[in-house]
Amino acid sequence: MASKKSMSHDSRLADTAKSGVTPSTLSAAVRIKQDYQNFLKEAHVLMPKVDQSLLLDILYYQTRYPDWEGSVAFRVVYPADLDINQKKEWIYQKYQRMSKVEEEKTLKFKAIRMSMEELGKMLDEDPDIQYVTGSATLTPTDSYSI
C-alpha cells in the first residue's frame, strides 16, 4: 500500500472528502503559499535568466486573456564585451523592432506577440543573453515607443 507521502494531491483531497474532514482555511492558506513558493522556485530553475516578475506578468496575461497581444517592454542584458550592434540587428530581424542601447550592454525594446513559448525561443536562440527583465501590459499602447 502506498504511503500518504507518495499519494497525489488529488487522491489526498478525495480521501479527505470521503472521511468528511475538510482542511481548515488556515491550513489551506499555508498550503497555497507553499505551492506558490515552490512554483516560483521551479520557474527560476527552468528560466533562470528571466526576471520572476516579468515571467509572472506574461504568464498571467497569456492565461487570463487568451486574445492578449503579448505586449512586453524588454530590457535584455548582454556581456559588456559583446558587439551590441550585432544584437540590435538580431532583435530587429527577429521582432521587427528597433532597440535602444542602455548602459552599454542592455537593449531595450517593445515586443508584440510575446508568449511564454516565444520567450523560451528567444533565450534558446541567443545564448549570449545574461538576463531579461521588463514589464508586460494588457494593451499594446504604442508598440514602437519605450
N, C-alpha and C. Protein backbone atom coordinates (compact mmCIF):
# COMPACT_ATOMS: atom_id res chain seq x y z
N MET A 1 0.85 -1.19 0.00
CA MET A 1 0.00 0.00 0.00
C MET A 1 0.88 1.24 0.00
N ALA A 2 0.55 2.22 -0.79
CA ALA A 2 1.34 3.45 -0.89
C ALA A 2 1.18 4.29 0.36
N SER A 3 2.28 4.93 0.74
CA SER A 3 2.21 5.81 1.91
C SER A 3 1.51 7.10 1.54
N LYS A 4 1.05 7.84 2.54
CA LYS A 4 0.37 9.12 2.30
C LYS A 4 1.28 10.09 1.57
N LYS A 5 2.61 10.04 1.86
CA LYS A 5 3.54 10.98 1.23
C LYS A 5 3.62 10.79 -0.27
N SER A 6 3.43 9.57 -0.76
CA SER A 6 3.56 9.33 -2.19
C SER A 6 2.23 9.52 -2.94
N MET A 7 1.18 9.81 -2.23
CA MET A 7 -0.12 10.00 -2.86
C MET A 7 -0.17 11.35 -3.57
N SER A 8 -0.93 11.40 -4.62
CA SER A 8 -1.07 12.67 -5.35
C SER A 8 -1.97 13.62 -4.57
N HIS A 9 -1.88 14.89 -4.95
CA HIS A 9 -2.71 15.92 -4.33
C HIS A 9 -4.19 15.57 -4.49
N ASP A 10 -4.60 15.12 -5.69
CA ASP A 10 -6.00 14.78 -5.95
C ASP A 10 -6.47 13.62 -5.08
N SER A 11 -5.61 12.60 -4.91
CA SER A 11 -6.04 11.46 -4.11
C SER A 11 -6.15 11.84 -2.64
N ARG A 12 -5.28 12.75 -2.16
CA ARG A 12 -5.40 13.21 -0.77
C ARG A 12 -6.71 13.97 -0.59
N LEU A 13 -7.07 14.81 -1.55
CA LEU A 13 -8.33 15.54 -1.47
C LEU A 13 -9.52 14.58 -1.47
N ALA A 14 -9.44 13.54 -2.30
CA ALA A 14 -10.53 12.57 -2.36
C ALA A 14 -10.67 11.83 -1.03
N ASP A 15 -9.53 11.43 -0.43
CA ASP A 15 -9.56 10.77 0.88
C ASP A 15 -10.15 11.67 1.94
N THR A 16 -9.78 12.95 1.90
CA THR A 16 -10.30 13.91 2.87
C THR A 16 -11.80 14.08 2.70
N ALA A 17 -12.26 14.14 1.47
CA ALA A 17 -13.69 14.31 1.21
C ALA A 17 -14.48 13.09 1.68
N LYS A 18 -13.93 11.89 1.47
CA LYS A 18 -14.61 10.66 1.88
C LYS A 18 -14.77 10.60 3.40
N SER A 19 -13.75 11.07 4.12
CA SER A 19 -13.79 10.98 5.57
C SER A 19 -14.65 12.08 6.19
N GLY A 20 -15.07 13.05 5.36
CA GLY A 20 -15.88 14.14 5.88
C GLY A 20 -15.07 15.24 6.53
N VAL A 21 -13.74 15.12 6.50
CA VAL A 21 -12.87 16.12 7.09
C VAL A 21 -12.45 17.09 5.99
N THR A 22 -12.55 18.37 6.26
CA THR A 22 -12.10 19.37 5.29
C THR A 22 -10.97 20.17 5.92
N PRO A 23 -10.00 20.58 5.11
CA PRO A 23 -8.89 21.35 5.67
C PRO A 23 -9.38 22.70 6.17
N SER A 24 -8.73 23.18 7.21
CA SER A 24 -9.10 24.49 7.72
C SER A 24 -8.66 25.57 6.74
N THR A 25 -9.27 26.71 6.85
CA THR A 25 -8.90 27.82 5.98
C THR A 25 -7.45 28.22 6.21
N LEU A 26 -6.99 28.15 7.45
CA LEU A 26 -5.61 28.48 7.76
C LEU A 26 -4.65 27.51 7.09
N SER A 27 -4.91 26.22 7.20
CA SER A 27 -4.01 25.25 6.58
C SER A 27 -4.08 25.35 5.06
N ALA A 28 -5.24 25.68 4.52
CA ALA A 28 -5.36 25.87 3.08
C ALA A 28 -4.53 27.07 2.63
N ALA A 29 -4.57 28.15 3.40
CA ALA A 29 -3.79 29.34 3.07
C ALA A 29 -2.29 29.04 3.11
N VAL A 30 -1.87 28.29 4.11
CA VAL A 30 -0.46 27.91 4.22
C VAL A 30 -0.06 27.04 3.04
N ARG A 31 -0.91 26.12 2.67
CA ARG A 31 -0.63 25.22 1.55
C ARG A 31 -0.52 26.00 0.24
N ILE A 32 -1.43 26.91 0.02
CA ILE A 32 -1.40 27.73 -1.20
C ILE A 32 -0.12 28.54 -1.26
N LYS A 33 0.27 29.11 -0.14
CA LYS A 33 1.51 29.91 -0.10
C LYS A 33 2.73 29.02 -0.39
N GLN A 34 2.77 27.83 0.18
CA GLN A 34 3.88 26.91 -0.08
C GLN A 34 3.92 26.48 -1.55
N ASP A 35 2.74 26.18 -2.10
CA ASP A 35 2.68 25.80 -3.51
C ASP A 35 3.17 26.93 -4.41
N TYR A 36 2.80 28.16 -4.08
CA TYR A 36 3.23 29.33 -4.86
C TYR A 36 4.75 29.48 -4.77
N GLN A 37 5.31 29.36 -3.56
CA GLN A 37 6.76 29.48 -3.40
C GLN A 37 7.48 28.37 -4.16
N ASN A 38 6.93 27.17 -4.14
CA ASN A 38 7.52 26.07 -4.91
C ASN A 38 7.44 26.34 -6.41
N PHE A 39 6.33 26.92 -6.85
CA PHE A 39 6.19 27.28 -8.25
C PHE A 39 7.26 28.30 -8.66
N LEU A 40 7.48 29.32 -7.83
CA LEU A 40 8.50 30.32 -8.13
C LEU A 40 9.89 29.71 -8.20
N LYS A 41 10.18 28.80 -7.29
CA LYS A 41 11.49 28.12 -7.32
C LYS A 41 11.66 27.32 -8.60
N GLU A 42 10.62 26.60 -8.98
CA GLU A 42 10.68 25.81 -10.22
C GLU A 42 10.82 26.72 -11.44
N ALA A 43 10.09 27.82 -11.47
CA ALA A 43 10.19 28.77 -12.58
C ALA A 43 11.61 29.32 -12.68
N HIS A 44 12.24 29.59 -11.54
CA HIS A 44 13.61 30.11 -11.55
C HIS A 44 14.58 29.05 -12.08
N VAL A 45 14.35 27.80 -11.73
CA VAL A 45 15.20 26.72 -12.23
C VAL A 45 15.03 26.57 -13.74
N LEU A 46 13.79 26.66 -14.23
CA LEU A 46 13.52 26.47 -15.65
C LEU A 46 13.93 27.66 -16.51
N MET A 47 13.79 28.88 -15.98
CA MET A 47 14.15 30.09 -16.72
C MET A 47 14.93 31.03 -15.80
N PRO A 48 16.17 30.66 -15.48
CA PRO A 48 16.94 31.46 -14.52
C PRO A 48 17.35 32.83 -15.04
N LYS A 49 17.31 33.04 -16.34
CA LYS A 49 17.73 34.32 -16.90
C LYS A 49 16.60 35.33 -16.98
N VAL A 50 15.40 34.95 -16.52
CA VAL A 50 14.23 35.82 -16.65
C VAL A 50 13.80 36.32 -15.28
N ASP A 51 13.58 37.63 -15.20
CA ASP A 51 13.06 38.26 -14.00
C ASP A 51 11.72 37.61 -13.64
N GLN A 52 11.58 37.20 -12.39
CA GLN A 52 10.37 36.50 -11.97
C GLN A 52 9.11 37.34 -12.13
N SER A 53 9.19 38.62 -11.89
CA SER A 53 8.01 39.48 -12.05
C SER A 53 7.56 39.52 -13.51
N LEU A 54 8.50 39.62 -14.42
CA LEU A 54 8.17 39.62 -15.84
C LEU A 54 7.55 38.28 -16.23
N LEU A 55 8.14 37.20 -15.77
CA LEU A 55 7.63 35.87 -16.07
C LEU A 55 6.19 35.71 -15.58
N LEU A 56 5.92 36.16 -14.37
CA LEU A 56 4.57 36.06 -13.82
C LEU A 56 3.58 36.94 -14.57
N ASP A 57 4.02 38.14 -14.98
CA ASP A 57 3.14 39.03 -15.76
C ASP A 57 2.75 38.38 -17.09
N ILE A 58 3.74 37.85 -17.80
CA ILE A 58 3.46 37.23 -19.10
C ILE A 58 2.53 36.03 -18.91
N LEU A 59 2.83 35.22 -17.92
CA LEU A 59 2.00 34.04 -17.65
C LEU A 59 0.57 34.44 -17.30
N TYR A 60 0.43 35.47 -16.48
CA TYR A 60 -0.90 35.95 -16.09
C TYR A 60 -1.70 36.41 -17.31
N TYR A 61 -1.13 37.32 -18.09
CA TYR A 61 -1.87 37.85 -19.24
C TYR A 61 -2.16 36.77 -20.27
N GLN A 62 -1.19 35.89 -20.49
CA GLN A 62 -1.36 34.85 -21.50
C GLN A 62 -2.45 33.85 -21.11
N THR A 63 -2.57 33.54 -19.83
CA THR A 63 -3.57 32.56 -19.40
C THR A 63 -4.92 33.21 -19.09
N ARG A 64 -4.91 34.42 -18.58
CA ARG A 64 -6.16 35.09 -18.19
C ARG A 64 -6.90 35.67 -19.40
N TYR A 65 -6.13 36.14 -20.37
CA TYR A 65 -6.70 36.77 -21.57
C TYR A 65 -6.19 36.04 -22.81
N PRO A 66 -6.89 35.03 -23.28
CA PRO A 66 -6.41 34.24 -24.42
C PRO A 66 -6.15 35.06 -25.69
N ASP A 67 -6.80 36.21 -25.83
CA ASP A 67 -6.58 37.04 -27.01
C ASP A 67 -5.54 38.16 -26.76
N TRP A 68 -4.79 38.06 -25.67
CA TRP A 68 -3.75 39.04 -25.35
C TRP A 68 -2.74 39.12 -26.48
N GLU A 69 -2.37 40.35 -26.81
CA GLU A 69 -1.45 40.57 -27.94
C GLU A 69 0.02 40.40 -27.57
N GLY A 70 0.31 40.12 -26.33
CA GLY A 70 1.69 39.85 -25.94
C GLY A 70 2.56 41.08 -25.93
N SER A 71 2.07 42.18 -25.39
CA SER A 71 2.81 43.43 -25.36
C SER A 71 3.78 43.45 -24.17
N VAL A 72 5.09 43.43 -24.48
CA VAL A 72 6.12 43.36 -23.44
C VAL A 72 7.23 44.36 -23.75
N ALA A 73 7.55 45.18 -22.75
CA ALA A 73 8.71 46.08 -22.85
C ALA A 73 9.89 45.34 -22.22
N PHE A 74 10.89 45.03 -23.03
CA PHE A 74 12.03 44.24 -22.59
C PHE A 74 13.26 45.07 -22.30
N ARG A 75 14.06 44.59 -21.39
CA ARG A 75 15.44 45.01 -21.17
C ARG A 75 16.26 43.73 -21.19
N VAL A 76 17.07 43.58 -22.21
CA VAL A 76 17.87 42.37 -22.39
C VAL A 76 19.33 42.72 -22.10
N VAL A 77 19.90 42.04 -21.13
CA VAL A 77 21.27 42.33 -20.69
C VAL A 77 22.23 41.33 -21.34
N TYR A 78 23.30 41.89 -21.91
CA TYR A 78 24.35 41.10 -22.56
C TYR A 78 25.68 41.33 -21.86
N PRO A 79 26.67 40.46 -22.10
CA PRO A 79 28.01 40.70 -21.55
C PRO A 79 28.58 42.01 -22.11
N ALA A 80 29.37 42.70 -21.31
CA ALA A 80 29.90 44.00 -21.70
C ALA A 80 30.82 43.92 -22.92
N ASP A 81 31.50 42.79 -23.12
CA ASP A 81 32.47 42.68 -24.21
C ASP A 81 31.86 42.21 -25.53
N LEU A 82 30.55 42.15 -25.61
CA LEU A 82 29.86 41.69 -26.81
C LEU A 82 29.56 42.85 -27.76
N ASP A 83 29.49 42.56 -29.06
CA ASP A 83 29.13 43.58 -30.05
C ASP A 83 27.62 43.83 -29.96
N ILE A 84 27.25 44.90 -29.28
CA ILE A 84 25.84 45.19 -29.03
C ILE A 84 25.10 45.55 -30.32
N ASN A 85 25.79 46.08 -31.30
CA ASN A 85 25.14 46.42 -32.56
C ASN A 85 24.69 45.17 -33.32
N GLN A 86 25.43 44.09 -33.19
CA GLN A 86 25.04 42.81 -33.80
C GLN A 86 23.76 42.30 -33.14
N LYS A 87 23.64 42.49 -31.84
CA LYS A 87 22.44 42.06 -31.12
C LYS A 87 21.24 42.95 -31.47
N LYS A 88 21.50 44.23 -31.66
CA LYS A 88 20.42 45.13 -32.11
C LYS A 88 19.87 44.66 -33.45
N GLU A 89 20.75 44.28 -34.35
CA GLU A 89 20.33 43.79 -35.67
C GLU A 89 19.54 42.49 -35.54
N TRP A 90 19.99 41.59 -34.64
CA TRP A 90 19.28 40.32 -34.43
C TRP A 90 17.85 40.57 -33.93
N ILE A 91 17.70 41.49 -32.99
CA ILE A 91 16.37 41.83 -32.47
C ILE A 91 15.50 42.42 -33.58
N TYR A 92 16.09 43.28 -34.38
CA TYR A 92 15.32 43.88 -35.48
C TYR A 92 14.86 42.80 -36.47
N GLN A 93 15.76 41.90 -36.83
CA GLN A 93 15.41 40.84 -37.79
C GLN A 93 14.35 39.89 -37.22
N LYS A 94 14.45 39.59 -35.96
CA LYS A 94 13.54 38.62 -35.34
C LYS A 94 12.18 39.22 -35.00
N TYR A 95 12.17 40.44 -34.46
CA TYR A 95 10.93 41.03 -33.95
C TYR A 95 10.46 42.27 -34.71
N GLN A 96 11.19 42.70 -35.72
CA GLN A 96 10.86 43.90 -36.48
C GLN A 96 10.69 45.10 -35.56
N ARG A 97 11.56 45.22 -34.58
CA ARG A 97 11.52 46.30 -33.60
C ARG A 97 12.92 46.89 -33.44
N MET A 98 12.95 48.19 -33.40
CA MET A 98 14.21 48.89 -33.12
C MET A 98 14.46 48.81 -31.62
N SER A 99 15.71 48.61 -31.25
CA SER A 99 16.05 48.59 -29.83
C SER A 99 16.96 49.77 -29.51
N LYS A 100 16.99 50.10 -28.24
CA LYS A 100 17.79 51.22 -27.77
C LYS A 100 18.83 50.68 -26.79
N VAL A 101 20.07 51.17 -26.90
CA VAL A 101 21.13 50.72 -26.01
C VAL A 101 21.10 51.53 -24.72
N GLU A 102 21.14 50.82 -23.61
CA GLU A 102 21.24 51.43 -22.28
C GLU A 102 22.45 50.85 -21.58
N GLU A 103 23.20 51.67 -20.91
CA GLU A 103 24.34 51.24 -20.08
C GLU A 103 25.32 50.35 -20.84
N GLU A 104 25.47 50.54 -22.11
CA GLU A 104 26.44 49.88 -22.98
C GLU A 104 26.23 48.38 -23.16
N LYS A 105 25.38 47.74 -22.38
CA LYS A 105 25.21 46.30 -22.54
C LYS A 105 23.76 45.83 -22.44
N THR A 106 22.84 46.75 -22.37
CA THR A 106 21.43 46.41 -22.25
C THR A 106 20.67 46.97 -23.44
N LEU A 107 19.86 46.12 -24.05
CA LEU A 107 19.00 46.56 -25.15
C LEU A 107 17.57 46.62 -24.65
N LYS A 108 16.92 47.71 -24.97
CA LYS A 108 15.53 47.94 -24.57
C LYS A 108 14.68 47.98 -25.83
N PHE A 109 13.59 47.19 -25.84
CA PHE A 109 12.68 47.22 -26.98
C PHE A 109 11.31 46.72 -26.56
N LYS A 110 10.33 47.05 -27.40
CA LYS A 110 8.95 46.66 -27.15
C LYS A 110 8.59 45.53 -28.11
N ALA A 111 8.14 44.41 -27.56
CA ALA A 111 7.76 43.26 -28.38
C ALA A 111 6.25 43.08 -28.35
N ILE A 112 5.74 42.58 -29.43
CA ILE A 112 4.32 42.22 -29.55
C ILE A 112 4.27 40.72 -29.85
N ARG A 113 3.23 40.06 -29.39
CA ARG A 113 3.06 38.61 -29.52
C ARG A 113 4.16 37.85 -28.79
N MET A 114 4.48 38.30 -27.59
CA MET A 114 5.49 37.64 -26.78
C MET A 114 4.79 36.74 -25.75
N SER A 115 4.82 35.47 -25.99
CA SER A 115 4.23 34.49 -25.08
C SER A 115 5.35 33.82 -24.27
N MET A 116 4.97 32.96 -23.35
CA MET A 116 5.97 32.19 -22.61
C MET A 116 6.81 31.36 -23.59
N GLU A 117 6.15 30.78 -24.57
CA GLU A 117 6.84 29.95 -25.55
C GLU A 117 7.82 30.78 -26.37
N GLU A 118 7.40 31.97 -26.79
CA GLU A 118 8.27 32.84 -27.57
C GLU A 118 9.46 33.31 -26.74
N LEU A 119 9.22 33.59 -25.47
CA LEU A 119 10.31 33.97 -24.57
C LEU A 119 11.32 32.83 -24.47
N GLY A 120 10.83 31.61 -24.35
CA GLY A 120 11.73 30.45 -24.32
C GLY A 120 12.55 30.32 -25.60
N LYS A 121 11.91 30.56 -26.75
CA LYS A 121 12.62 30.52 -28.04
C LYS A 121 13.71 31.58 -28.09
N MET A 122 13.38 32.79 -27.61
CA MET A 122 14.35 33.88 -27.62
C MET A 122 15.59 33.48 -26.82
N LEU A 123 15.39 32.91 -25.64
CA LEU A 123 16.51 32.50 -24.80
C LEU A 123 17.30 31.36 -25.43
N ASP A 124 16.61 30.43 -26.08
CA ASP A 124 17.30 29.32 -26.75
C ASP A 124 18.11 29.79 -27.94
N GLU A 125 17.58 30.75 -28.69
CA GLU A 125 18.25 31.22 -29.91
C GLU A 125 19.42 32.16 -29.63
N ASP A 126 19.43 32.80 -28.48
CA ASP A 126 20.52 33.72 -28.17
C ASP A 126 21.13 33.38 -26.81
N PRO A 127 22.08 32.44 -26.80
CA PRO A 127 22.70 32.04 -25.53
C PRO A 127 23.54 33.13 -24.88
N ASP A 128 23.80 34.23 -25.61
CA ASP A 128 24.58 35.33 -25.03
C ASP A 128 23.77 36.15 -24.02
N ILE A 129 22.46 36.02 -24.04
CA ILE A 129 21.63 36.77 -23.10
C ILE A 129 21.99 36.38 -21.67
N GLN A 130 22.28 37.40 -20.86
CA GLN A 130 22.59 37.16 -19.45
C GLN A 130 21.34 37.23 -18.59
N TYR A 131 20.45 38.18 -18.90
CA TYR A 131 19.27 38.40 -18.08
C TYR A 131 18.23 39.17 -18.87
N VAL A 132 16.97 38.87 -18.61
CA VAL A 132 15.86 39.56 -19.26
C VAL A 132 14.93 40.09 -18.18
N THR A 133 14.62 41.35 -18.26
CA THR A 133 13.66 41.97 -17.35
C THR A 133 12.74 42.86 -18.17
N GLY A 134 11.80 43.49 -17.52
CA GLY A 134 10.88 44.36 -18.23
C GLY A 134 9.49 44.28 -17.63
N SER A 135 8.51 44.60 -18.46
CA SER A 135 7.13 44.57 -17.97
C SER A 135 6.19 44.23 -19.11
N ALA A 136 5.15 43.49 -18.76
CA ALA A 136 4.10 43.15 -19.73
C ALA A 136 2.89 44.02 -19.42
N THR A 137 2.17 44.39 -20.46
CA THR A 137 0.96 45.18 -20.27
C THR A 137 -0.19 44.54 -21.01
N LEU A 138 -1.38 44.84 -20.55
CA LEU A 138 -2.57 44.25 -21.16
C LEU A 138 -2.82 44.82 -22.55
N THR A 139 -2.59 46.11 -22.72
CA THR A 139 -2.83 46.74 -24.01
C THR A 139 -1.51 47.05 -24.69
N PRO A 140 -1.46 46.98 -26.00
CA PRO A 140 -0.20 47.20 -26.69
C PRO A 140 0.28 48.64 -26.66
N THR A 141 -0.57 49.59 -26.33
CA THR A 141 -0.23 51.03 -26.36
C THR A 141 0.53 51.34 -27.64
N ASP A 142 1.61 52.06 -27.53
CA ASP A 142 2.42 52.35 -28.70
C ASP A 142 3.51 51.30 -28.79
N SER A 143 3.40 50.40 -29.75
CA SER A 143 4.31 49.27 -29.82
C SER A 143 5.73 49.65 -30.23
N TYR A 144 5.95 50.88 -30.64
CA TYR A 144 7.30 51.27 -31.05
C TYR A 144 8.02 52.15 -30.06
N SER A 145 7.32 52.69 -29.09
CA SER A 145 7.99 53.57 -28.15
C SER A 145 8.21 52.89 -26.81
N ILE A 146 9.34 53.20 -26.21
CA ILE A 146 9.62 52.72 -24.86
C ILE A 146 10.33 53.78 -24.08
